[in-house]
N, C-alpha and C. Protein backbone atom coordinates (compact mmCIF):
# COMPACT_ATOMS: atom_id res chain seq x y z
N MET A 1 225.51 -58.52 78.12
CA MET A 1 225.49 -57.54 76.91
C MET A 1 226.83 -58.12 76.28
N PRO A 2 225.71 -58.69 75.12
CA PRO A 2 226.52 -58.79 73.81
C PRO A 2 227.72 -57.58 73.21
N ASP A 3 228.76 -57.94 72.73
CA ASP A 3 229.54 -57.19 72.20
C ASP A 3 228.98 -56.66 70.53
N GLN A 4 229.11 -55.40 70.95
CA GLN A 4 228.85 -55.11 69.33
C GLN A 4 229.88 -54.55 68.32
N ASP A 5 229.23 -54.74 67.23
CA ASP A 5 230.04 -54.69 66.02
C ASP A 5 230.16 -53.21 64.99
N THR A 6 231.43 -52.26 66.10
CA THR A 6 230.76 -51.26 65.26
C THR A 6 231.80 -50.67 64.28
N CYS A 7 232.51 -50.99 63.68
CA CYS A 7 233.56 -51.06 62.29
C CYS A 7 234.39 -49.51 62.55
N VAL A 8 234.62 -49.42 63.83
CA VAL A 8 234.84 -47.82 64.24
C VAL A 8 236.27 -47.53 63.96
N ALA A 9 237.09 -48.72 64.35
CA ALA A 9 238.58 -49.43 64.18
C ALA A 9 239.00 -50.86 63.98
N ASN A 10 239.92 -50.91 63.56
CA ASN A 10 240.41 -51.99 63.37
C ASN A 10 242.45 -52.26 63.98
N ASP A 11 242.84 -53.48 63.47
CA ASP A 11 244.21 -53.19 63.69
C ASP A 11 244.80 -52.24 63.40
N ARG A 12 244.84 -52.01 61.49
CA ARG A 12 245.63 -51.67 61.05
C ARG A 12 245.35 -50.17 61.50
N MET A 13 243.90 -49.96 61.94
CA MET A 13 243.91 -48.35 62.18
C MET A 13 244.51 -47.48 63.76
N THR A 14 244.48 -48.85 64.17
CA THR A 14 245.15 -48.44 65.73
C THR A 14 246.50 -48.56 65.38
N VAL A 15 247.31 -49.12 65.13
CA VAL A 15 248.82 -49.41 64.80
C VAL A 15 249.56 -48.37 63.98
N ASN A 16 248.31 -47.85 62.66
CA ASN A 16 248.90 -46.42 62.37
C ASN A 16 248.77 -45.21 62.81
N ALA A 17 247.82 -45.35 63.32
CA ALA A 17 247.26 -44.34 65.00
C ALA A 17 248.73 -43.94 65.88
N GLN A 18 248.66 -45.56 66.59
CA GLN A 18 250.14 -45.49 67.42
C GLN A 18 251.41 -44.59 66.39
N TRP A 19 251.65 -45.30 65.40
CA TRP A 19 252.61 -45.28 64.62
C TRP A 19 253.15 -43.41 64.22
N PHE A 20 251.91 -42.72 64.15
CA PHE A 20 252.14 -41.18 64.13
C PHE A 20 251.51 -40.45 64.99
N ALA A 21 251.08 -41.11 66.04
CA ALA A 21 251.33 -40.67 67.45
C ALA A 21 252.53 -39.76 67.58
N ALA A 22 253.74 -41.50 67.10
CA ALA A 22 254.88 -41.46 67.94
C ALA A 22 255.91 -40.56 67.20
N ARG A 23 255.54 -40.44 66.17
CA ARG A 23 256.03 -39.94 65.21
C ARG A 23 255.60 -38.47 65.48
N ALA A 24 254.69 -37.69 65.98
CA ALA A 24 253.99 -36.64 65.77
C ALA A 24 254.93 -36.04 67.79
N PHE A 25 255.12 -36.86 68.38
CA PHE A 25 255.13 -36.82 69.57
C PHE A 25 256.94 -36.10 69.50
N MET A 26 257.44 -37.34 68.15
CA MET A 26 259.21 -37.17 68.80
C MET A 26 259.44 -35.15 67.97
N THR A 27 258.58 -35.01 66.94
CA THR A 27 258.53 -33.74 66.20
C THR A 27 258.36 -32.71 66.82
N LEU A 28 257.04 -32.90 68.39
CA LEU A 28 257.45 -31.55 69.41
C LEU A 28 257.86 -31.58 70.21
N TRP A 29 259.13 -32.96 70.93
CA TRP A 29 259.98 -33.14 71.49
C TRP A 29 261.25 -32.24 71.08
N HIS A 30 261.64 -32.38 69.13
CA HIS A 30 262.70 -31.83 68.85
C HIS A 30 262.59 -30.12 68.83
N ASN A 31 261.38 -29.93 68.60
CA ASN A 31 261.07 -28.54 68.33
C ASN A 31 261.22 -27.86 69.05
N TYR A 32 260.58 -28.40 70.35
CA TYR A 32 260.73 -27.25 71.93
C TYR A 32 262.10 -27.37 72.52
N ALA A 33 262.96 -28.64 72.27
CA ALA A 33 264.03 -28.51 72.44
C ALA A 33 265.32 -27.54 71.51
N SER A 34 265.08 -27.72 70.39
CA SER A 34 265.54 -26.83 69.84
C SER A 34 265.60 -25.31 70.19
N MET A 35 264.08 -24.98 70.95
CA MET A 35 263.94 -23.70 71.10
C MET A 35 263.95 -23.17 72.57
N SER A 36 264.78 -24.21 73.27
CA SER A 36 265.30 -23.81 74.30
C SER A 36 266.38 -23.46 74.82
N GLN A 37 266.74 -22.55 75.72
CA GLN A 37 267.92 -21.55 75.69
C GLN A 37 268.18 -22.51 76.99
N ARG A 38 268.19 -22.94 77.49
CA ARG A 38 268.71 -24.26 78.71
C ARG A 38 268.96 -26.00 78.57
N THR A 39 270.25 -26.03 78.44
CA THR A 39 271.26 -27.10 78.47
C THR A 39 269.87 -28.18 79.05
N ASP A 40 269.57 -28.06 80.05
CA ASP A 40 269.28 -29.53 80.78
C ASP A 40 268.01 -29.18 80.25
N ILE A 41 266.96 -27.90 80.13
CA ILE A 41 265.26 -28.70 79.46
C ILE A 41 265.98 -29.26 78.26
N ARG A 42 266.93 -29.47 77.21
CA ARG A 42 267.65 -29.36 76.13
C ARG A 42 268.28 -30.87 75.65
N ASP A 43 268.37 -30.88 77.05
CA ASP A 43 269.38 -32.53 77.19
C ASP A 43 267.56 -33.44 77.57
N ALA A 44 267.16 -33.34 78.65
CA ALA A 44 265.65 -33.73 78.70
C ALA A 44 265.13 -34.17 77.56
N PHE A 45 264.61 -33.36 77.05
CA PHE A 45 264.15 -33.09 75.57
C PHE A 45 264.52 -34.13 74.58
N ILE A 46 265.93 -34.15 74.03
CA ILE A 46 266.63 -34.60 73.68
C ILE A 46 266.47 -36.11 74.22
N ARG A 47 266.34 -37.03 75.23
CA ARG A 47 265.99 -38.17 76.12
C ARG A 47 264.83 -38.28 75.43
N ASN A 48 263.73 -37.86 76.07
CA ASN A 48 262.85 -37.90 75.73
C ASN A 48 262.57 -38.65 74.06
N TYR A 49 263.19 -37.71 73.01
CA TYR A 49 262.45 -37.88 71.63
C TYR A 49 263.87 -39.27 71.21
N HIS A 50 264.62 -39.96 72.30
CA HIS A 50 265.28 -41.26 71.33
C HIS A 50 264.25 -41.79 71.92
N ARG A 51 263.13 -41.96 73.93
CA ARG A 51 262.98 -43.04 73.61
C ARG A 51 261.76 -42.75 72.69
N ALA A 52 260.84 -41.96 72.30
CA ALA A 52 259.98 -42.03 71.14
C ALA A 52 260.52 -42.71 70.10
N ASN A 53 261.25 -42.36 69.31
CA ASN A 53 262.01 -43.18 68.83
C ASN A 53 261.97 -44.38 68.23
N ARG A 54 262.53 -44.90 69.23
CA ARG A 54 262.55 -46.35 69.90
C ARG A 54 260.94 -47.02 69.82
N TRP A 55 259.80 -46.46 70.42
CA TRP A 55 258.75 -46.88 70.31
C TRP A 55 258.29 -46.75 68.70
N HIS A 56 258.57 -45.61 68.23
CA HIS A 56 258.38 -45.05 66.68
C HIS A 56 258.59 -47.03 65.82
N VAL A 57 259.86 -46.89 66.19
CA VAL A 57 260.40 -47.94 65.24
C VAL A 57 259.79 -49.57 66.16
N THR A 58 259.70 -49.32 67.12
CA THR A 58 258.83 -50.70 67.11
C THR A 58 257.15 -50.74 67.32
N PHE A 59 256.44 -49.91 67.14
CA PHE A 59 255.35 -49.71 65.86
C PHE A 59 255.43 -50.10 64.58
N HIS A 60 256.41 -49.54 64.24
CA HIS A 60 256.57 -49.72 62.84
C HIS A 60 257.48 -51.89 62.53
N GLU A 61 257.82 -51.75 63.25
CA GLU A 61 257.89 -53.48 62.92
C GLU A 61 257.62 -54.24 63.45
N ILE A 62 256.11 -54.30 64.43
CA ILE A 62 255.50 -55.12 65.04
C ILE A 62 254.28 -55.10 63.88
N ALA A 63 253.79 -53.74 63.00
CA ALA A 63 252.84 -53.41 62.25
C ALA A 63 253.70 -54.25 60.93
N VAL A 64 254.52 -54.38 60.51
CA VAL A 64 255.01 -55.15 59.25
C VAL A 64 255.42 -56.43 59.33
N GLU A 65 255.90 -56.51 61.11
CA GLU A 65 255.26 -58.18 61.36
C GLU A 65 253.95 -59.13 61.32
N LYS A 66 253.14 -58.11 61.52
CA LYS A 66 251.36 -58.23 61.38
C LYS A 66 250.86 -57.92 60.19
N LYS A 67 251.72 -57.77 59.39
CA LYS A 67 251.31 -57.12 58.06
C LYS A 67 250.59 -56.18 57.41
N LEU A 68 250.08 -55.38 58.75
CA LEU A 68 249.38 -54.58 58.31
C LEU A 68 250.29 -52.80 57.81
N MET A 69 251.57 -53.12 57.96
CA MET A 69 252.06 -51.82 56.80
C MET A 69 253.12 -52.63 56.14
N ALA A 70 254.08 -51.84 54.98
CA ALA A 70 254.77 -51.94 54.13
C ALA A 70 256.07 -51.98 55.14
N PRO A 71 257.06 -52.55 54.72
CA PRO A 71 258.31 -52.40 55.21
C PRO A 71 259.07 -51.49 54.45
N LEU A 72 259.73 -50.74 55.24
CA LEU A 72 260.73 -49.07 54.70
C LEU A 72 261.61 -49.62 53.68
N PRO A 73 261.43 -48.80 52.50
CA PRO A 73 262.37 -49.58 51.43
C PRO A 73 263.94 -49.24 52.10
N THR A 74 264.52 -49.93 51.32
CA THR A 74 266.13 -50.10 51.46
C THR A 74 266.63 -49.23 50.61
N VAL A 75 267.43 -48.00 50.53
CA VAL A 75 268.48 -47.02 49.64
C VAL A 75 269.78 -47.64 49.63
N GLU A 76 270.33 -48.52 48.68
CA GLU A 76 271.51 -49.02 48.77
C GLU A 76 272.37 -47.72 48.41
N PRO A 77 273.72 -47.40 49.05
CA PRO A 77 274.88 -46.29 48.89
C PRO A 77 275.35 -46.35 47.58
N LYS A 78 275.32 -45.33 46.43
CA LYS A 78 276.01 -45.26 45.70
C LYS A 78 277.14 -44.82 45.95
N ASP A 79 278.43 -45.51 45.03
CA ASP A 79 279.93 -45.03 45.11
C ASP A 79 280.73 -45.33 46.42
N MET A 80 279.82 -45.64 47.70
CA MET A 80 280.51 -45.89 48.50
C MET A 80 280.96 -47.34 49.09
N PRO A 81 281.99 -47.23 49.31
CA PRO A 81 282.89 -48.69 50.01
C PRO A 81 282.65 -49.28 50.51
N LEU A 82 281.87 -50.85 50.72
CA LEU A 82 281.15 -51.33 51.74
C LEU A 82 281.89 -51.81 53.43
N ILE A 83 281.47 -51.49 54.19
CA ILE A 83 281.85 -51.63 55.08
C ILE A 83 282.71 -52.94 55.81
N PRO A 84 283.15 -53.49 55.71
CA PRO A 84 284.03 -54.90 56.51
C PRO A 84 282.87 -55.26 57.30
N GLU A 85 281.73 -56.61 56.96
CA GLU A 85 282.12 -56.93 59.10
C GLU A 85 282.58 -57.45 59.53
């Protein structure tokens, strides 16, 4: 059977969905970590939050590379000395 073009989703929609899904996952983990009274549970939530954050940054970098999303704006600090490299 030949492939049918359904126009349901394209690469831009898929990348945007992954970006928002990772962000939503991060928000859920953060909320549950802040509500937990147990430190071991909080630590597990925080580890998963940081893992999701890495995926979130990766999705954004891929999307920018493929020109599916715009790069994030950079904000220059005002009245702060630059850190020597």
